[in-house]
Amino acid sequence: MSQKEFLLRTPDLGDTEKIELIRWSVTIGDSIEIGDEVIELVTDKAAFPVESPHKGILKEIRIPAGSVVTKGQILGVLEISE
């Protein structure tokens, strides 16, 4: 099996100026299933849980909780298998 990486990015949450990453739901080394919540983002309008589109292991957290992020910014790295 070859190992691939998937970059977890801030999704497009519409027309918002401030997006805060308030919580990581997983830690480095955790196994993640498709649909598992990995982070929670908050804007001035609502909270947005972000689910994993892949099964794998969280390899890296690039942006810590409490940070303000922008659309498309790399938040972490998921190691997936195919």
N, C-alpha and C. Protein backbone atom coordinates (compact mmCIF):
# COMPACT_ATOMS: atom_id res chain seq x y z
N MET A 1 0.83 -1.19 0.00
CA MET A 1 0.00 0.00 0.00
C MET A 1 0.87 1.25 0.00
N SER A 2 0.53 2.18 -0.83
CA SER A 2 1.28 3.44 -0.84
C SER A 2 0.60 4.43 0.09
N GLN A 3 1.40 5.30 0.69
CA GLN A 3 0.88 6.32 1.60
C GLN A 3 0.75 7.64 0.83
N LYS A 4 -0.37 8.30 1.04
CA LYS A 4 -0.59 9.61 0.43
C LYS A 4 -0.95 10.59 1.52
N GLU A 5 -0.75 11.84 1.23
CA GLU A 5 -1.11 12.90 2.17
C GLU A 5 -2.27 13.72 1.61
N PHE A 6 -3.16 14.10 2.51
CA PHE A 6 -4.26 15.00 2.16
C PHE A 6 -4.11 16.23 3.04
N LEU A 7 -4.12 17.39 2.42
CA LEU A 7 -3.98 18.64 3.16
C LEU A 7 -5.36 19.11 3.62
N LEU A 8 -5.54 19.21 4.93
CA LEU A 8 -6.78 19.73 5.49
C LEU A 8 -6.73 21.25 5.38
N ARG A 9 -7.66 21.82 4.65
CA ARG A 9 -7.67 23.27 4.40
C ARG A 9 -8.94 23.91 4.94
N THR A 10 -8.86 25.20 5.19
CA THR A 10 -10.04 25.95 5.59
C THR A 10 -11.01 25.97 4.42
N PRO A 11 -12.24 25.49 4.63
CA PRO A 11 -13.21 25.51 3.52
C PRO A 11 -13.73 26.92 3.25
N ASP A 12 -14.40 27.06 2.12
CA ASP A 12 -15.04 28.32 1.78
C ASP A 12 -16.32 28.44 2.60
N LEU A 13 -16.35 29.38 3.52
CA LEU A 13 -17.51 29.57 4.39
C LEU A 13 -18.34 30.78 3.98
N GLY A 14 -18.18 31.20 2.74
CA GLY A 14 -18.95 32.34 2.24
C GLY A 14 -18.25 33.65 2.51
N ASP A 15 -19.02 34.70 2.48
CA ASP A 15 -18.48 36.05 2.62
C ASP A 15 -18.29 36.40 4.09
N THR A 16 -17.15 36.00 4.61
CA THR A 16 -16.83 36.30 6.01
C THR A 16 -15.40 36.79 6.11
N GLU A 17 -15.16 37.73 6.97
CA GLU A 17 -13.83 38.31 7.09
C GLU A 17 -12.97 37.61 8.13
N LYS A 18 -13.59 37.07 9.16
CA LYS A 18 -12.83 36.45 10.24
C LYS A 18 -13.29 35.02 10.46
N ILE A 19 -12.35 34.07 10.35
CA ILE A 19 -12.62 32.66 10.63
C ILE A 19 -11.63 32.25 11.71
N GLU A 20 -12.15 31.71 12.80
CA GLU A 20 -11.27 31.27 13.88
C GLU A 20 -11.34 29.75 14.02
N LEU A 21 -10.17 29.14 14.10
CA LEU A 21 -10.09 27.71 14.37
C LEU A 21 -10.16 27.57 15.89
N ILE A 22 -11.30 27.14 16.40
CA ILE A 22 -11.44 27.15 17.86
C ILE A 22 -11.07 25.82 18.52
N ARG A 23 -11.09 24.72 17.72
CA ARG A 23 -10.82 23.44 18.37
C ARG A 23 -10.41 22.39 17.36
N TRP A 24 -9.38 21.63 17.71
CA TRP A 24 -9.05 20.39 17.02
C TRP A 24 -9.77 19.28 17.77
N SER A 25 -10.50 18.44 17.08
CA SER A 25 -11.22 17.32 17.70
C SER A 25 -10.35 16.07 17.78
N VAL A 26 -9.20 16.10 17.13
CA VAL A 26 -8.28 14.97 17.10
C VAL A 26 -6.87 15.49 17.41
N THR A 27 -5.98 14.56 17.76
CA THR A 27 -4.59 14.92 18.00
C THR A 27 -3.70 14.14 17.04
N ILE A 28 -2.47 14.56 16.92
CA ILE A 28 -1.52 13.90 16.03
C ILE A 28 -1.42 12.42 16.41
N GLY A 29 -1.51 11.58 15.37
CA GLY A 29 -1.45 10.13 15.57
C GLY A 29 -2.80 9.46 15.68
N ASP A 30 -3.87 10.26 15.83
CA ASP A 30 -5.22 9.68 15.92
C ASP A 30 -5.67 9.11 14.58
N SER A 31 -6.37 7.98 14.64
CA SER A 31 -7.01 7.41 13.45
C SER A 31 -8.30 8.16 13.20
N ILE A 32 -8.58 8.44 11.94
CA ILE A 32 -9.76 9.22 11.55
C ILE A 32 -10.53 8.44 10.50
N GLU A 33 -11.83 8.40 10.66
CA GLU A 33 -12.72 7.78 9.68
C GLU A 33 -13.36 8.87 8.82
N ILE A 34 -13.84 8.49 7.65
CA ILE A 34 -14.56 9.43 6.79
C ILE A 34 -15.77 9.95 7.57
N GLY A 35 -15.94 11.26 7.62
CA GLY A 35 -17.07 11.87 8.30
C GLY A 35 -16.79 12.26 9.74
N ASP A 36 -15.63 11.83 10.29
CA ASP A 36 -15.29 12.25 11.65
C ASP A 36 -14.99 13.74 11.67
N GLU A 37 -15.46 14.43 12.71
CA GLU A 37 -15.13 15.84 12.86
C GLU A 37 -13.66 15.97 13.24
N VAL A 38 -12.94 16.83 12.53
CA VAL A 38 -11.52 17.03 12.84
C VAL A 38 -11.24 18.40 13.44
N ILE A 39 -11.98 19.41 13.00
CA ILE A 39 -11.81 20.75 13.56
C ILE A 39 -13.15 21.44 13.65
N GLU A 40 -13.18 22.52 14.44
CA GLU A 40 -14.36 23.37 14.50
C GLU A 40 -13.92 24.80 14.22
N LEU A 41 -14.60 25.41 13.25
CA LEU A 41 -14.33 26.79 12.88
C LEU A 41 -15.51 27.66 13.30
N VAL A 42 -15.23 28.92 13.61
CA VAL A 42 -16.28 29.86 13.98
C VAL A 42 -16.10 31.15 13.19
N THR A 43 -17.22 31.66 12.70
CA THR A 43 -17.23 32.99 12.08
C THR A 43 -18.10 33.88 12.95
N ASP A 44 -18.29 35.11 12.53
CA ASP A 44 -19.16 36.00 13.29
C ASP A 44 -20.63 35.57 13.21
N LYS A 45 -20.93 34.61 12.33
CA LYS A 45 -22.32 34.18 12.14
C LYS A 45 -22.64 32.81 12.71
N ALA A 46 -21.68 31.87 12.72
CA ALA A 46 -21.99 30.50 13.14
C ALA A 46 -20.73 29.69 13.38
N ALA A 47 -20.91 28.52 14.00
CA ALA A 47 -19.84 27.53 14.17
C ALA A 47 -19.96 26.49 13.06
N PHE A 48 -18.84 26.03 12.57
CA PHE A 48 -18.82 25.07 11.47
C PHE A 48 -17.90 23.90 11.81
N PRO A 49 -18.47 22.71 12.11
CA PRO A 49 -17.62 21.53 12.27
C PRO A 49 -17.12 21.10 10.88
N VAL A 50 -15.86 20.72 10.79
CA VAL A 50 -15.29 20.28 9.52
C VAL A 50 -14.97 18.80 9.64
N GLU A 51 -15.55 18.00 8.73
CA GLU A 51 -15.38 16.55 8.75
C GLU A 51 -14.29 16.11 7.78
N SER A 52 -13.71 14.97 8.07
CA SER A 52 -12.67 14.41 7.20
C SER A 52 -13.30 13.74 5.98
N PRO A 53 -12.79 14.04 4.79
CA PRO A 53 -13.29 13.37 3.59
C PRO A 53 -12.57 12.04 3.33
N HIS A 54 -11.58 11.73 4.18
CA HIS A 54 -10.77 10.51 3.99
C HIS A 54 -10.58 9.78 5.31
N LYS A 55 -10.24 8.51 5.20
CA LYS A 55 -9.84 7.70 6.34
C LYS A 55 -8.32 7.77 6.42
N GLY A 56 -7.79 7.93 7.63
CA GLY A 56 -6.34 7.99 7.75
C GLY A 56 -5.91 8.32 9.17
N ILE A 57 -4.71 8.87 9.26
CA ILE A 57 -4.11 9.24 10.54
C ILE A 57 -3.67 10.70 10.45
N LEU A 58 -3.99 11.47 11.50
CA LEU A 58 -3.55 12.86 11.53
C LEU A 58 -2.04 12.88 11.74
N LYS A 59 -1.34 13.40 10.75
CA LYS A 59 0.12 13.39 10.75
C LYS A 59 0.70 14.69 11.31
N GLU A 60 0.00 15.80 11.04
CA GLU A 60 0.56 17.11 11.41
C GLU A 60 -0.54 18.13 11.64
N ILE A 61 -0.36 18.96 12.66
CA ILE A 61 -1.22 20.12 12.89
C ILE A 61 -0.37 21.35 12.58
N ARG A 62 -0.78 22.11 11.58
CA ARG A 62 0.01 23.29 11.18
C ARG A 62 -0.49 24.58 11.82
N ILE A 63 -1.77 24.63 12.16
CA ILE A 63 -2.35 25.84 12.75
C ILE A 63 -2.99 25.46 14.08
N PRO A 64 -2.55 26.04 15.19
CA PRO A 64 -3.11 25.67 16.49
C PRO A 64 -4.50 26.26 16.73
N ALA A 65 -5.24 25.64 17.63
CA ALA A 65 -6.54 26.17 18.04
C ALA A 65 -6.35 27.58 18.58
N GLY A 66 -7.34 28.43 18.31
CA GLY A 66 -7.27 29.82 18.75
C GLY A 66 -6.75 30.76 17.68
N SER A 67 -6.33 30.20 16.55
CA SER A 67 -5.78 31.01 15.46
C SER A 67 -6.87 31.51 14.52
N VAL A 68 -6.66 32.69 13.95
CA VAL A 68 -7.51 33.20 12.89
C VAL A 68 -6.93 32.70 11.57
N VAL A 69 -7.80 32.12 10.72
CA VAL A 69 -7.35 31.51 9.47
C VAL A 69 -8.08 32.12 8.28
N THR A 70 -7.59 31.82 7.09
CA THR A 70 -8.20 32.31 5.87
C THR A 70 -8.64 31.13 5.01
N LYS A 71 -9.56 31.39 4.10
CA LYS A 71 -10.06 30.35 3.18
C LYS A 71 -8.89 29.72 2.43
N GLY A 72 -8.87 28.38 2.41
CA GLY A 72 -7.85 27.66 1.67
C GLY A 72 -6.55 27.43 2.42
N GLN A 73 -6.40 28.00 3.59
CA GLN A 73 -5.17 27.85 4.37
C GLN A 73 -5.02 26.40 4.82
N ILE A 74 -3.80 25.86 4.77
CA ILE A 74 -3.53 24.50 5.22
C ILE A 74 -3.53 24.49 6.74
N LEU A 75 -4.42 23.66 7.31
CA LEU A 75 -4.56 23.56 8.76
C LEU A 75 -3.82 22.36 9.33
N GLY A 76 -3.77 21.29 8.56
CA GLY A 76 -3.12 20.08 9.02
C GLY A 76 -2.93 19.10 7.87
N VAL A 77 -2.29 17.96 8.18
CA VAL A 77 -1.99 16.95 7.16
C VAL A 77 -2.51 15.61 7.64
N LEU A 78 -3.26 14.95 6.77
CA LEU A 78 -3.81 13.63 7.03
C LEU A 78 -3.09 12.63 6.15
N GLU A 79 -2.57 11.55 6.75
CA GLU A 79 -1.93 10.49 5.97
C GLU A 79 -3.01 9.47 5.64
N ILE A 80 -3.21 9.24 4.34
CA ILE A 80 -4.25 8.29 3.91
C ILE A 80 -3.59 7.14 3.16
N SER A 81 -4.30 6.01 3.11
CA SER A 81 -3.82 4.84 2.38
C SER A 81 -4.75 4.58 1.20
N GLU A 82 -4.17 4.00 0.11
CA GLU A 82 -5.05 3.59 -0.97
C GLU A 82 -4.82 2.14 -1.32
